[in-house]
PDB file of N, CA and C in Angstrom:
ATOM      1  N   MET A   1     192.542 -67.143  90.410  1.00  0.00           N
ATOM      2  CA  MET A   1     193.738 -67.776  90.853  1.00  0.00           C
ATOM      3  C   MET A   1     193.332 -69.199  90.802  1.00  0.00           C
ATOM      4  N   ASN A   2     194.285 -70.098  90.021  1.00  0.00           N
ATOM      5  CA  ASN A   2     193.747 -71.311  90.058  1.00  0.00           C
ATOM      6  C   ASN A   2     193.997 -72.433  91.324  1.00  0.00           C
ATOM      7  N   ALA A   3     193.682 -73.668  91.260  1.00  0.00           N
ATOM      8  CA  ALA A   3     193.767 -73.756  92.906  1.00  0.00           C
ATOM      9  C   ALA A   3     195.282 -74.307  92.953  1.00  0.00           C
ATOM     10  N   TYR A   4     195.892 -74.770  92.425  1.00  0.00           N
ATOM     11  CA  TYR A   4     197.615 -74.534  92.625  1.00  0.00           C
ATOM     12  C   TYR A   4     198.035 -73.889  93.211  1.00  0.00           C
ATOM     13  N   ALA A   5     197.430 -72.280  92.366  1.00  0.00           N
ATOM     14  CA  ALA A   5     198.139 -71.776  93.785  1.00  0.00           C
ATOM     15  C   ALA A   5     197.450 -71.334  94.669  1.00  0.00           C
ATOM     16  N   LEU A   6     196.197 -71.424  94.743  1.00  0.00           N
ATOM     17  CA  LEU A   6     196.106 -71.725  95.994  1.00  0.00           C
ATOM     18  C   LEU A   6     196.817 -72.092  97.176  1.00  0.00           C
ATOM     19  N   ALA A   7     196.942 -73.544  96.567  1.00  0.00           N
ATOM     20  CA  ALA A   7     197.588 -74.677  97.973  1.00  0.00           C
ATOM     21  C   ALA A   7     199.136 -74.599  98.409  1.00  0.00           C
ATOM     22  N   SER A   8     199.688 -74.316  97.092  1.00  0.00           N
ATOM     23  CA  SER A   8     201.221 -73.304  97.163  1.00  0.00           C
ATOM     24  C   SER A   8     201.033 -72.373  98.186  1.00  0.00           C
ATOM     25  N   GLY A   9     200.248 -71.103  98.313  1.00  0.00           N
ATOM     26  CA  GLY A   9     200.590 -70.010  98.432  1.00  0.00           C
ATOM     27  C   GLY A   9     201.268 -68.986  97.814  1.00  0.00           C
ATOM     28  N   ARG A  10     201.744 -69.658  96.520  1.00  0.00           N
ATOM     29  CA  ARG A  10     201.969 -68.791  95.400  1.00  0.00           C
ATOM     30  C   ARG A  10     201.252 -68.151  94.803  1.00  0.00           C
ATOM     31  N   ARG A  11     201.898 -66.925  94.350  1.00  0.00           N
ATOM     32  CA  ARG A  11     201.044 -65.989  93.796  1.00  0.00           C
ATOM     33  C   ARG A  11     201.102 -65.949  91.916  1.00  0.00           C
ATOM     34  N   PRO A  12     200.175 -66.009  91.118  1.00  0.00           N
ATOM     35  CA  PRO A  12     200.073 -66.471  89.848  1.00  0.00           C
ATOM     36  C   PRO A  12     200.707 -64.978  89.048  1.00  0.00           C
ATOM     37  N   ARG A  13     201.356 -65.226  87.791  1.00  0.00           N
ATOM     38  CA  ARG A  13     202.357 -64.405  87.123  1.00  0.00           C
ATOM     39  C   ARG A  13     201.500 -63.528  86.884  1.00  0.00           C
ATOM     40  N   ALA A  14     200.708 -61.772  86.758  1.00  0.00           N
ATOM     41  CA  ALA A  14     199.913 -61.154  86.280  1.00  0.00           C
ATOM     42  C   ALA A  14     199.942 -61.719  84.898  1.00  0.00           C
ATOM     43  N   GLU A  15     198.594 -61.715  84.396  1.00  0.00           N
ATOM     44  CA  GLU A  15     198.893 -60.750  82.389  1.00  0.00           C
ATOM     45  C   GLU A  15     198.300 -59.766  82.440  1.00  0.00           C
ATOM     46  N   THR A  16     199.422 -59.944  81.429  1.00  0.00           N
ATOM     47  CA  THR A  16     199.192 -57.759  80.764  1.00  0.00           C
ATOM     48  C   THR A  16     199.301 -58.293  79.344  1.00  0.00           C
ATOM     49  N   PRO A  17     198.219 -57.586  79.151  1.00  0.00           N
ATOM     50  CA  PRO A  17     198.109 -57.517  77.236  1.00  0.00           C
ATOM     51  C   PRO A  17     198.944 -57.543  76.524  1.00  0.00           C
ATOM     52  N   GLN A  18     199.590 -57.629  75.450  1.00  0.00           N
ATOM     53  CA  GLN A  18     200.680 -57.473  74.662  1.00  0.00           C
ATOM     54  C   GLN A  18     200.730 -55.994  74.345  1.00  0.00           C
ATOM     55  N   ARG A  19     200.065 -55.639  74.084  1.00  0.00           N
ATOM     56  CA  ARG A  19     200.036 -54.244  73.063  1.00  0.00           C
ATOM     57  C   ARG A  19     198.588 -53.489  73.298  1.00  0.00           C
ATOM     58  N   LEU A  20     198.542 -52.655  73.531  1.00  0.00           N
ATOM     59  CA  LEU A  20     197.017 -51.245  74.109  1.00  0.00           C
ATOM     60  C   LEU A  20     196.007 -51.908  73.447  1.00  0.00           C
ATOM     61  N   THR A  21     195.199 -51.563  73.697  1.00  0.00           N
ATOM     62  CA  THR A  21     193.824 -52.114  72.090  1.00  0.00           C
ATOM     63  C   THR A  21     193.797 -50.019  72.270  1.00  0.00           C
ATOM     64  N   VAL A  22     194.049 -49.577  72.558  1.00  0.00           N
ATOM     65  CA  VAL A  22     194.014 -47.922  72.745  1.00  0.00           C
ATOM     66  C   VAL A  22     195.129 -47.072  72.511  1.00  0.00           C
ATOM     67  N   GLY A  23     195.526 -46.616  71.112  1.00  0.00           N
ATOM     68  CA  GLY A  23     197.223 -45.760  70.931  1.00  0.00           C
ATOM     69  C   GLY A  23     197.108 -44.857  72.452  1.00  0.00           C
ATOM     70  N   PRO A  24     198.100 -44.116  72.074  1.00  0.00           N
ATOM     71  CA  PRO A  24     197.764 -42.679  73.018  1.00  0.00           C
ATOM     72  C   PRO A  24     197.183 -42.025  72.642  1.00  0.00           C
ATOM     73  N   PRO A  25     196.810 -40.366  73.103  1.00  0.00           N
ATOM     74  CA  PRO A  25     196.195 -39.271  72.372  1.00  0.00           C
ATOM     75  C   PRO A  25     196.739 -38.880  71.409  1.00  0.00           C
ATOM     76  N   ARG A  26     196.932 -38.336  70.405  1.00  0.00           N
ATOM     77  CA  ARG A  26     197.570 -37.639  69.757  1.00  0.00           C
ATOM     78  C   ARG A  26     197.807 -35.547  70.645  1.00  0.00           C
ATOM     79  N   PRO A  27     199.196 -35.466  70.695  1.00  0.00           N
ATOM     80  CA  PRO A  27     199.268 -34.115  72.100  1.00  0.00           C
ATOM     81  C   PRO A  27     198.174 -33.212  70.921  1.00  0.00           C
ATOM     82  N   ARG A  28     197.639 -32.161  71.480  1.00  0.00           N
ATOM     83  CA  ARG A  28     196.410 -31.151  70.874  1.00  0.00           C
ATOM     84  C   ARG A  28     197.526 -29.693  71.380  1.00  0.00           C
ATOM     85  N   TRP A  29     198.269 -29.536  70.665  1.00  0.00           N
ATOM     86  CA  TRP A  29     198.785 -28.039  70.715  1.00  0.00           C
ATOM     87  C   TRP A  29     198.425 -26.413  69.271  1.00  0.00           C
ATOM     88  N   THR A  30     198.931 -25.728  69.222  1.00  0.00           N
ATOM     89  CA  THR A  30     198.771 -24.611  68.186  1.00  0.00           C
ATOM     90  C   THR A  30     200.016 -24.104  68.057  1.00  0.00           C
ATOM     91  N   PRO A  31     200.858 -24.353  67.376  1.00  0.00           N
ATOM     92  CA  PRO A  31     202.143 -23.264  67.508  1.00  0.00           C
ATOM     93  C   PRO A  31     201.911 -21.951  67.134  1.00  0.00           C
ATOM     94  N   ALA A  32     202.569 -21.275  67.783  1.00  0.00           N
ATOM     95  CA  ALA A  32     202.798 -19.925  67.620  1.00  0.00           C
ATOM     96  C   ALA A  32     202.124 -19.079  66.984  1.00  0.00           C
ATOM     97  N   SER A  33     203.362 -20.013  65.134  1.00  0.00           N
ATOM     98  CA  SER A  33     202.990 -19.464  64.584  1.00  0.00           C
ATOM     99  C   SER A  33     201.971 -19.064  63.896  1.00  0.00           C
ATOM    100  N   HIS A  34     200.551 -20.157  64.472  1.00  0.00           N
ATOM    101  CA  HIS A  34     199.670 -20.067  63.827  1.00  0.00           C
ATOM    102  C   HIS A  34     198.330 -19.237  64.764  1.00  0.00           C
ATOM    103  N   LEU A  35     198.686 -18.912  65.512  1.00  0.00           N
ATOM    104  CA  LEU A  35     198.174 -17.649  66.358  1.00  0.00           C
ATOM    105  C   LEU A  35     198.570 -16.594  65.723  1.00  0.00           C
ATOM    106  N   VAL A  36     197.428 -15.394  66.172  1.00  0.00           N
ATOM    107  CA  VAL A  36     197.088 -14.113  65.481  1.00  0.00           C
ATOM    108  C   VAL A  36     196.570 -13.304  66.796  1.00  0.00           C
ATOM    109  N   LEU A  37     197.139 -12.599  67.424  1.00  0.00           N
ATOM    110  CA  LEU A  37     196.669 -11.481  68.511  1.00  0.00           C
ATOM    111  C   LEU A  37     196.090 -10.055  68.065  1.00  0.00           C
ATOM    112  N   ILE A  38     195.036  -9.599  68.650  1.00  0.00           N
ATOM    113  CA  ILE A  38     194.314  -8.764  68.437  1.00  0.00           C
ATOM    114  C   ILE A  38     193.926  -8.456  69.368  1.00  0.00           C
ATOM    115  N   PRO A  39     194.941  -6.851  69.384  1.00  0.00           N
ATOM    116  CA  PRO A  39     194.098  -5.520  70.491  1.00  0.00           C
ATOM    117  C   PRO A  39     193.026  -5.775  70.563  1.00  0.00           C
ATOM    118  N   ILE A  40     192.732  -5.952  71.897  1.00  0.00           N
ATOM    119  CA  ILE A  40     190.846  -5.683  72.267  1.00  0.00           C
ATOM    120  C   ILE A  40     190.600  -4.101  71.802  1.00  0.00           C
ATOM    121  N   GLU A  41     191.207  -2.881  71.950  1.00  0.00           N
ATOM    122  CA  GLU A  41     191.296  -1.493  71.516  1.00  0.00           C
ATOM    123  C   GLU A  41     191.000  -1.439  70.418  1.00  0.00           C
ATOM    124  N   THR A  42     191.426  -2.501  69.196  1.00  0.00           N
ATOM    125  CA  THR A  42     191.037  -2.257  67.557  1.00  0.00           C
ATOM    126  C   THR A  42     190.164  -2.587  67.821  1.00  0.00           C
ATOM    127  N   LEU A  43     189.687  -3.355  68.170  1.00  0.00           N
ATOM    128  CA  LEU A  43     187.863  -3.847  67.865  1.00  0.00           C
ATOM    129  C   LEU A  43     186.319  -2.666  68.036  1.00  0.00           C
ATOM    130  N   GLY A  44     185.872  -3.540  66.728  1.00  0.00           N
ATOM    131  CA  GLY A  44     184.684  -2.826  66.777  1.00  0.00           C
ATOM    132  C   GLY A  44     184.043  -2.697  67.972  1.00  0.00           C
ATOM    133  N   ARG A  45     182.736  -1.825  67.569  1.00  0.00           N
ATOM    134  CA  ARG A  45     181.544  -2.117  68.690  1.00  0.00           C
ATOM    135  C   ARG A  45     180.960  -3.125  68.339  1.00  0.00           C
ATOM    136  N   ALA A  46     180.725  -3.477  67.663  1.00  0.00           N
ATOM    137  CA  ALA A  46     179.608  -4.839  67.174  1.00  0.00           C
ATOM    138  C   ALA A  46     180.963  -5.792  68.078  1.00  0.00           C
ATOM    139  N   ALA A  47     181.925  -6.013  68.179  1.00  0.00           N
ATOM    140  CA  ALA A  47     182.640  -7.362  68.464  1.00  0.00           C
ATOM    141  C   ALA A  47     182.739  -6.884  69.963  1.00  0.00           C
ATOM    142  N   LEU A  48     182.636  -5.882  69.930  1.00  0.00           N
ATOM    143  CA  LEU A  48     182.822  -5.680  71.464  1.00  0.00           C
ATOM    144  C   LEU A  48     181.778  -6.435  72.330  1.00  0.00           C
ATOM    145  N   ARG A  49     180.551  -6.021  71.614  1.00  0.00           N
ATOM    146  CA  ARG A  49     179.257  -6.839  72.015  1.00  0.00           C
ATOM    147  C   ARG A  49     178.713  -7.812  72.131  1.00  0.00           C
ATOM    148  N   THR A  50     179.966  -8.610  71.794  1.00  0.00           N
ATOM    149  CA  THR A  50     180.026 -10.366  71.474  1.00  0.00           C
ATOM    150  C   THR A  50     179.853 -11.044  72.423  1.00  0.00           C
ATOM    151  N   ARG A  51     178.611 -11.702  72.632  1.00  0.00           N
ATOM    152  CA  ARG A  51     178.143 -12.800  73.701  1.00  0.00           C
ATOM    153  C   ARG A  51     178.780 -13.820  73.721  1.00  0.00           C
ATOM    154  N   PHE A  52     179.364 -14.228  74.943  1.00  0.00           N
ATOM    155  CA  PHE A  52     180.401 -15.882  75.126  1.00  0.00           C
ATOM    156  C   PHE A  52     179.244 -16.649  75.142  1.00  0.00           C
ATOM    157  N   ALA A  53     179.422 -18.330  75.295  1.00  0.00           N
ATOM    158  CA  ALA A  53     179.509 -18.920  75.773  1.00  0.00           C
ATOM    159  C   ALA A  53     179.462 -19.457  77.126  1.00  0.00           C
ATOM    160  N   ILE A  54     180.683 -18.575  77.616  1.00  0.00           N
ATOM    161  CA  ILE A  54     181.235 -19.100  79.033  1.00  0.00           C
ATOM    162  C   ILE A  54     181.075 -17.729  80.076  1.00  0.00           C
ATOM    163  N   THR A  55     180.322 -18.070  80.842  1.00  0.00           N
ATOM    164  CA  THR A  55     179.579 -17.155  81.687  1.00  0.00           C
ATOM    165  C   THR A  55     181.269 -17.049  82.539  1.00  0.00           C
ATOM    166  N   PRO A  56     181.971 -15.227  82.605  1.00  0.00           N
ATOM    167  CA  PRO A  56     182.775 -15.084  84.081  1.00  0.00           C
ATOM    168  C   PRO A  56     182.384 -15.450  85.166  1.00  0.00           C
ATOM    169  N   PRO A  57     182.767 -15.570  86.175  1.00  0.00           N
ATOM    170  CA  PRO A  57     182.982 -15.834  87.532  1.00  0.00           C
ATOM    171  C   PRO A  57     181.786 -15.459  88.266  1.00  0.00           C
ATOM    172  N   TRP A  58     181.918 -14.115  87.813  1.00  0.00           N
ATOM    173  CA  TRP A  58     181.990 -12.653  88.486  1.00  0.00           C
ATOM    174  C   TRP A  58     180.260 -12.339  88.336  1.00  0.00           C
ATOM    175  N   GLU A  59     180.447 -12.413  86.969  1.00  0.00           N
ATOM    176  CA  GLU A  59     178.608 -12.805  86.185  1.00  0.00           C
ATOM    177  C   GLU A  59     177.787 -13.877  87.154  1.00  0.00           C
ATOM    178  N   LYS A  60     178.480 -14.869  87.801  1.00  0.00           N
ATOM    179  CA  LYS A  60     177.598 -15.894  88.233  1.00  0.00           C
ATOM    180  C   LYS A  60     176.908 -15.717  89.813  1.00  0.00           C
ATOM    181  N   PRO A  61     175.421 -16.461  90.003  1.00  0.00           N
ATOM    182  CA  PRO A  61     174.533 -15.543  91.054  1.00  0.00           C
ATOM    183  C   PRO A  61     175.339 -16.574  92.330  1.00  0.00           C
ATOM    184  N   VAL A  62     176.181 -17.819  92.152  1.00  0.00           N
ATOM    185  CA  VAL A  62     177.708 -18.263  93.356  1.00  0.00           C
ATOM    186  C   VAL A  62     178.219 -17.601  93.509  1.00  0.00           C
ATOM    187  N   TYR A  63     178.804 -16.461  92.600  1.00  0.00           N
ATOM    188  CA  TYR A  63     180.016 -15.558  93.004  1.00  0.00           C
ATOM    189  C   TYR A  63     180.099 -14.686  94.280  1.00  0.00           C
ATOM    190  N   ARG A  64     178.536 -14.206  94.015  1.00  0.00           N
ATOM    191  CA  ARG A  64     177.674 -13.439  95.286  1.00  0.00           C
ATOM    192  C   ARG A  64     176.743 -14.175  96.300  1.00  0.00           C
ATOM    193  N   ASP A  65     176.699 -15.165  96.085  1.00  0.00           N
ATOM    194  CA  ASP A  65     175.867 -16.239  97.300  1.00  0.00           C
ATOM    195  C   ASP A  65     176.561 -17.163  97.258  1.00  0.00           C
ATOM    196  N   PRO A  66     177.485 -17.809  97.923  1.00  0.00           N
ATOM    197  CA  PRO A  66     178.145 -19.163  97.398  1.00  0.00           C
ATOM    198  C   PRO A  66     177.580 -20.398  98.288  1.00  0.00           C
ATOM    199  N   GLU A  67     176.295 -19.795  98.733  1.00  0.00           N
ATOM    200  CA  GLU A  67     175.274 -21.300  98.452  1.00  0.00           C
ATOM    201  C   GLU A  67     173.881 -21.659  97.738  1.00  0.00           C
ATOM    202  N   ASP A  68     174.700 -20.543  96.657  1.00  0.00           N
ATOM    203  CA  ASP A  68     173.040 -20.532  95.763  1.00  0.00           C
ATOM    204  C   ASP A  68     173.560 -22.191  94.919  1.00  0.00           C
ATOM    205  N   GLU A  69     172.617 -22.498  94.232  1.00  0.00           N
ATOM    206  CA  GLU A  69     172.390 -23.987  94.167  1.00  0.00           C
ATOM    207  C   GLU A  69     172.750 -24.183  92.534  1.00  0.00           C
ATOM    208  N   GLY A  70     173.517 -23.143  92.094  1.00  0.00           N
ATOM    209  CA  GLY A  70     173.445 -22.837  90.211  1.00  0.00           C
ATOM    210  C   GLY A  70     175.095 -22.741  90.494  1.00  0.00           C
ATOM    211  N   THR A  71     175.994 -23.098  88.982  1.00  0.00           N
ATOM    212  CA  THR A  71     177.315 -22.965  89.063  1.00  0.00           C
ATOM    213  C   THR A  71     178.075 -21.644  88.461  1.00  0.00           C
TER     214      THR A  71
END
């Protein structure tokens, strides 16, 4: 704030950028035509034994003990 604005009690006009420095993010979605649904019953034994990176909540210690330190 400059000295004139302080002495006169007027608020200076806010300075806003004329354009954004970062553009808005592109929408992230998958059209229905690109999806393929596979019934789980048609999967082979090897596919059903596949381990995933995400553990379901009911397999986490905190599910059984809410005071557990893990996630």
